[in-house]
N, C-alpha and C. Protein backbone atom coordinates (compact mmCIF):
# COMPACT_ATOMS: atom_id res chain seq x y z
N MET A 1 7.77 11.71 31.34
CA MET A 1 8.24 11.76 29.97
C MET A 1 9.01 10.48 29.64
N ALA A 2 8.91 10.00 28.46
CA ALA A 2 9.56 8.76 28.05
C ALA A 2 11.04 8.98 27.81
N ASP A 3 11.83 7.98 28.19
CA ASP A 3 13.28 8.04 27.98
C ASP A 3 13.59 7.42 26.63
N VAL A 4 13.93 8.23 25.66
CA VAL A 4 14.20 7.75 24.31
C VAL A 4 15.69 7.58 24.04
N SER A 5 16.50 7.78 25.05
CA SER A 5 17.95 7.68 24.85
C SER A 5 18.38 6.24 24.56
N LYS A 6 17.60 5.25 24.97
CA LYS A 6 17.97 3.86 24.76
C LYS A 6 17.54 3.32 23.39
N LEU A 7 16.78 4.10 22.65
CA LEU A 7 16.35 3.65 21.33
C LEU A 7 17.51 3.67 20.36
N LYS A 8 17.50 2.72 19.43
CA LYS A 8 18.57 2.66 18.43
C LYS A 8 18.40 3.81 17.45
N LYS A 9 19.49 4.36 17.06
CA LYS A 9 19.46 5.50 16.15
C LYS A 9 19.32 5.06 14.69
N ALA A 10 19.99 4.01 14.30
CA ALA A 10 19.98 3.58 12.89
C ALA A 10 19.44 2.16 12.78
N SER A 11 18.85 1.89 11.66
CA SER A 11 18.31 0.56 11.40
C SER A 11 19.42 -0.36 10.92
N ARG A 12 19.29 -1.64 11.24
CA ARG A 12 20.28 -2.62 10.77
C ARG A 12 20.02 -3.01 9.32
N LEU A 13 18.93 -2.55 8.75
CA LEU A 13 18.59 -2.94 7.38
C LEU A 13 19.36 -2.15 6.34
N GLY A 14 19.82 -1.01 6.68
CA GLY A 14 20.55 -0.19 5.73
C GLY A 14 19.59 0.71 4.97
N PRO A 15 20.11 1.46 4.02
CA PRO A 15 19.26 2.40 3.27
C PRO A 15 18.33 1.65 2.32
N PRO A 16 17.18 2.22 1.99
CA PRO A 16 16.27 1.55 1.05
C PRO A 16 16.86 1.53 -0.35
N PRO A 17 16.44 0.59 -1.19
CA PRO A 17 16.97 0.53 -2.56
C PRO A 17 16.50 1.73 -3.38
N ALA A 18 17.22 2.01 -4.42
CA ALA A 18 16.85 3.10 -5.32
C ALA A 18 15.57 2.74 -6.05
N ALA A 19 14.85 3.74 -6.52
CA ALA A 19 13.57 3.52 -7.20
C ALA A 19 13.73 2.63 -8.44
N GLU A 20 14.87 2.72 -9.10
CA GLU A 20 15.12 1.92 -10.30
C GLU A 20 15.27 0.43 -9.96
N GLU A 21 15.70 0.14 -8.73
CA GLU A 21 15.91 -1.24 -8.32
C GLU A 21 14.64 -1.88 -7.77
N ALA A 22 13.65 -1.07 -7.43
CA ALA A 22 12.41 -1.59 -6.84
C ALA A 22 11.58 -2.32 -7.90
N SER A 23 10.76 -3.25 -7.43
CA SER A 23 9.91 -4.02 -8.33
C SER A 23 8.83 -3.12 -8.94
N GLY A 24 8.44 -3.40 -10.15
CA GLY A 24 7.39 -2.63 -10.83
C GLY A 24 6.01 -3.23 -10.68
N ASN A 25 5.84 -4.14 -9.71
CA ASN A 25 4.56 -4.83 -9.59
C ASN A 25 3.42 -3.90 -9.18
N LEU A 26 3.70 -2.79 -8.53
CA LEU A 26 2.62 -1.89 -8.15
C LEU A 26 2.06 -1.12 -9.35
N ALA A 27 2.86 -0.96 -10.37
CA ALA A 27 2.40 -0.26 -11.57
C ALA A 27 1.73 -1.21 -12.57
N ALA A 28 1.90 -2.51 -12.37
CA ALA A 28 1.32 -3.49 -13.29
C ALA A 28 -0.19 -3.58 -13.08
N PRO A 29 -0.95 -3.89 -14.13
CA PRO A 29 -2.41 -4.03 -13.97
C PRO A 29 -2.74 -5.27 -13.15
N GLU A 30 -3.82 -5.17 -12.40
CA GLU A 30 -4.25 -6.30 -11.59
C GLU A 30 -5.05 -7.25 -12.46
N ILE A 31 -4.75 -8.52 -12.37
CA ILE A 31 -5.44 -9.53 -13.16
C ILE A 31 -6.21 -10.42 -12.19
N ALA A 32 -7.52 -10.39 -12.31
CA ALA A 32 -8.37 -11.19 -11.44
C ALA A 32 -8.39 -12.62 -11.95
N PRO A 33 -8.54 -13.59 -11.04
CA PRO A 33 -8.61 -14.97 -11.50
C PRO A 33 -9.89 -15.23 -12.28
N ALA A 34 -9.79 -16.09 -13.25
CA ALA A 34 -10.96 -16.44 -14.06
C ALA A 34 -11.95 -17.22 -13.22
N PRO A 35 -13.26 -17.01 -13.43
CA PRO A 35 -14.24 -17.77 -12.66
C PRO A 35 -14.14 -19.25 -12.99
N THR A 36 -14.32 -20.06 -11.98
CA THR A 36 -14.24 -21.50 -12.19
C THR A 36 -15.63 -22.06 -12.50
N ALA A 37 -15.65 -23.26 -12.99
CA ALA A 37 -16.93 -23.89 -13.35
C ALA A 37 -17.75 -24.21 -12.11
N THR A 38 -17.08 -24.32 -10.95
CA THR A 38 -17.80 -24.64 -9.73
C THR A 38 -18.41 -23.41 -9.06
N ALA A 39 -18.09 -22.21 -9.56
CA ALA A 39 -18.63 -21.00 -8.96
C ALA A 39 -20.14 -20.92 -9.19
N SER A 40 -20.86 -20.48 -8.18
CA SER A 40 -22.31 -20.40 -8.27
C SER A 40 -22.73 -19.19 -9.10
N PRO A 41 -23.73 -19.34 -9.98
CA PRO A 41 -24.18 -18.21 -10.78
C PRO A 41 -25.08 -17.27 -9.98
N TYR A 42 -25.32 -17.58 -8.70
CA TYR A 42 -26.21 -16.78 -7.87
C TYR A 42 -25.63 -15.39 -7.65
N ARG A 43 -26.44 -14.36 -7.90
CA ARG A 43 -26.05 -12.98 -7.68
C ARG A 43 -27.14 -12.33 -6.85
N ARG A 44 -26.79 -11.88 -5.65
CA ARG A 44 -27.79 -11.26 -4.79
C ARG A 44 -28.15 -9.89 -5.32
N ARG A 45 -29.44 -9.66 -5.46
CA ARG A 45 -29.92 -8.39 -5.98
C ARG A 45 -30.06 -7.39 -4.86
N ASP A 46 -29.73 -6.14 -5.13
CA ASP A 46 -29.87 -5.07 -4.16
C ASP A 46 -31.19 -4.36 -4.43
N MET A 47 -32.15 -4.51 -3.53
CA MET A 47 -33.49 -3.99 -3.77
C MET A 47 -33.79 -2.74 -2.94
N ARG A 48 -32.75 -2.05 -2.47
CA ARG A 48 -33.01 -0.85 -1.68
C ARG A 48 -33.68 0.19 -2.56
N SER A 49 -34.53 0.97 -1.96
CA SER A 49 -35.29 1.96 -2.71
C SER A 49 -35.29 3.27 -1.94
N ALA A 50 -35.34 4.37 -2.66
CA ALA A 50 -35.34 5.68 -2.02
C ALA A 50 -36.74 6.13 -1.64
N ARG A 51 -37.77 5.42 -2.11
CA ARG A 51 -39.13 5.87 -1.82
C ARG A 51 -39.54 5.54 -0.39
N ARG A 52 -40.39 6.38 0.18
CA ARG A 52 -40.87 6.17 1.54
C ARG A 52 -41.97 5.12 1.54
N THR A 53 -41.95 4.27 2.56
CA THR A 53 -42.94 3.21 2.64
C THR A 53 -43.75 3.30 3.93
N ASN A 54 -43.39 4.19 4.84
CA ASN A 54 -44.03 4.33 6.15
C ASN A 54 -43.93 3.05 6.96
N ARG A 55 -42.94 2.25 6.69
CA ARG A 55 -42.68 1.06 7.49
C ARG A 55 -41.51 1.38 8.40
N THR A 56 -41.71 1.24 9.69
CA THR A 56 -40.66 1.66 10.62
C THR A 56 -40.13 0.53 11.49
N LEU A 57 -40.79 -0.61 11.51
CA LEU A 57 -40.36 -1.71 12.35
C LEU A 57 -39.41 -2.62 11.58
N PRO A 58 -38.16 -2.79 12.07
CA PRO A 58 -37.24 -3.69 11.36
C PRO A 58 -37.63 -5.14 11.55
N PHE A 59 -37.42 -5.94 10.51
CA PHE A 59 -37.76 -7.36 10.53
C PHE A 59 -36.62 -8.10 9.85
N ALA A 60 -35.82 -8.80 10.64
CA ALA A 60 -34.66 -9.50 10.08
C ALA A 60 -34.79 -10.99 10.34
N THR A 61 -34.36 -11.79 9.38
CA THR A 61 -34.38 -13.23 9.52
C THR A 61 -33.30 -13.83 8.63
N ARG A 62 -33.04 -15.08 8.80
CA ARG A 62 -32.07 -15.79 7.96
C ARG A 62 -32.84 -16.70 7.01
N VAL A 63 -32.43 -16.67 5.75
CA VAL A 63 -33.08 -17.50 4.74
C VAL A 63 -32.00 -18.22 3.93
N SER A 64 -32.42 -19.22 3.18
CA SER A 64 -31.49 -19.94 2.31
C SER A 64 -31.19 -19.08 1.08
N PRO A 65 -30.04 -19.30 0.46
CA PRO A 65 -29.73 -18.55 -0.77
C PRO A 65 -30.78 -18.75 -1.86
N GLU A 66 -31.37 -19.94 -1.92
CA GLU A 66 -32.38 -20.22 -2.94
C GLU A 66 -33.64 -19.37 -2.70
N PHE A 67 -34.07 -19.29 -1.44
CA PHE A 67 -35.23 -18.46 -1.10
C PHE A 67 -34.95 -17.00 -1.42
N ASP A 68 -33.76 -16.52 -1.04
CA ASP A 68 -33.38 -15.14 -1.30
C ASP A 68 -33.41 -14.83 -2.79
N GLU A 69 -32.86 -15.75 -3.57
CA GLU A 69 -32.84 -15.56 -5.03
C GLU A 69 -34.26 -15.52 -5.60
N ARG A 70 -35.11 -16.43 -5.13
CA ARG A 70 -36.49 -16.48 -5.64
C ARG A 70 -37.28 -15.23 -5.29
N ILE A 71 -37.20 -14.79 -4.03
CA ILE A 71 -38.02 -13.64 -3.63
C ILE A 71 -37.51 -12.35 -4.28
N ARG A 72 -36.20 -12.22 -4.43
CA ARG A 72 -35.66 -11.03 -5.08
C ARG A 72 -35.98 -11.01 -6.58
N ALA A 73 -36.00 -12.18 -7.20
CA ALA A 73 -36.37 -12.26 -8.62
C ALA A 73 -37.83 -11.83 -8.82
N ILE A 74 -38.71 -12.28 -7.92
CA ILE A 74 -40.12 -11.88 -8.01
C ILE A 74 -40.26 -10.38 -7.80
N ALA A 75 -39.58 -9.84 -6.80
CA ALA A 75 -39.66 -8.41 -6.51
C ALA A 75 -39.14 -7.58 -7.68
N GLU A 76 -38.04 -8.02 -8.27
CA GLU A 76 -37.47 -7.29 -9.41
C GLU A 76 -38.40 -7.38 -10.62
N ARG A 77 -38.92 -8.57 -10.89
CA ARG A 77 -39.81 -8.78 -12.04
C ARG A 77 -41.06 -7.92 -11.94
N ASP A 78 -41.66 -7.86 -10.74
CA ASP A 78 -42.92 -7.14 -10.57
C ASP A 78 -42.74 -5.70 -10.10
N GLY A 79 -41.50 -5.26 -9.91
CA GLY A 79 -41.25 -3.88 -9.49
C GLY A 79 -41.73 -3.60 -8.07
N LEU A 80 -41.57 -4.56 -7.19
CA LEU A 80 -42.02 -4.44 -5.81
C LEU A 80 -40.85 -4.42 -4.85
N LEU A 81 -41.11 -3.96 -3.63
CA LEU A 81 -40.14 -4.10 -2.57
C LEU A 81 -40.23 -5.51 -2.02
N LEU A 82 -39.16 -5.97 -1.37
CA LEU A 82 -39.19 -7.30 -0.78
C LEU A 82 -40.33 -7.43 0.22
N VAL A 83 -40.55 -6.40 1.00
CA VAL A 83 -41.61 -6.45 2.01
C VAL A 83 -42.98 -6.54 1.34
N GLU A 84 -43.16 -5.93 0.19
CA GLU A 84 -44.44 -6.02 -0.51
C GLU A 84 -44.69 -7.44 -1.01
N VAL A 85 -43.63 -8.11 -1.46
CA VAL A 85 -43.78 -9.51 -1.89
C VAL A 85 -44.15 -10.37 -0.68
N MET A 86 -43.49 -10.14 0.46
CA MET A 86 -43.81 -10.92 1.66
C MET A 86 -45.21 -10.62 2.18
N GLU A 87 -45.67 -9.37 2.09
CA GLU A 87 -47.03 -9.03 2.51
C GLU A 87 -48.06 -9.74 1.63
N ARG A 88 -47.80 -9.77 0.32
CA ARG A 88 -48.73 -10.47 -0.59
C ARG A 88 -48.72 -11.97 -0.33
N ALA A 89 -47.54 -12.52 -0.03
CA ALA A 89 -47.44 -13.94 0.27
C ALA A 89 -48.21 -14.27 1.55
N LEU A 90 -48.11 -13.41 2.55
CA LEU A 90 -48.84 -13.62 3.79
C LEU A 90 -50.34 -13.53 3.56
N ASP A 91 -50.77 -12.56 2.76
CA ASP A 91 -52.19 -12.43 2.43
C ASP A 91 -52.69 -13.70 1.72
N ALA A 92 -51.91 -14.20 0.76
CA ALA A 92 -52.31 -15.41 0.03
C ALA A 92 -52.33 -16.62 0.96
N TYR A 93 -51.38 -16.71 1.86
CA TYR A 93 -51.35 -17.82 2.82
C TYR A 93 -52.58 -17.78 3.73
N GLU A 94 -52.91 -16.61 4.24
CA GLU A 94 -54.09 -16.49 5.11
C GLU A 94 -55.38 -16.77 4.35
N ALA A 95 -55.47 -16.33 3.09
CA ALA A 95 -56.66 -16.59 2.29
C ALA A 95 -56.81 -18.09 2.02
N GLN A 96 -55.71 -18.77 1.80
CA GLN A 96 -55.75 -20.21 1.54
C GLN A 96 -56.17 -20.98 2.79
N ARG A 97 -55.77 -20.52 3.96
CA ARG A 97 -56.07 -21.20 5.23
C ARG A 97 -57.50 -20.96 5.69
N SER A 98 -58.18 -19.96 5.13
CA SER A 98 -59.57 -19.65 5.56
C SER A 98 -60.58 -20.52 4.88
């Protein structure tokens, strides 16, 4: 069992201030900083879908923000999943190489 007899009984800080003396900053509304001119207008689109695709193999890679923006814009415009855009791109690439 731990020996707690050596612990200090009272804090050296004294009692907490009264509620009237406390700062009201927690009740104040939060103000976010204004966007700067250097901020990128890029917004990553969330293309998750609830429909079943029968695709079970995960495929992860790293791409540039520009590529991500382009492929997500195409998928959103045409109402496709990202994988469907990549499948069509692969089909077109193979057809061009034949």
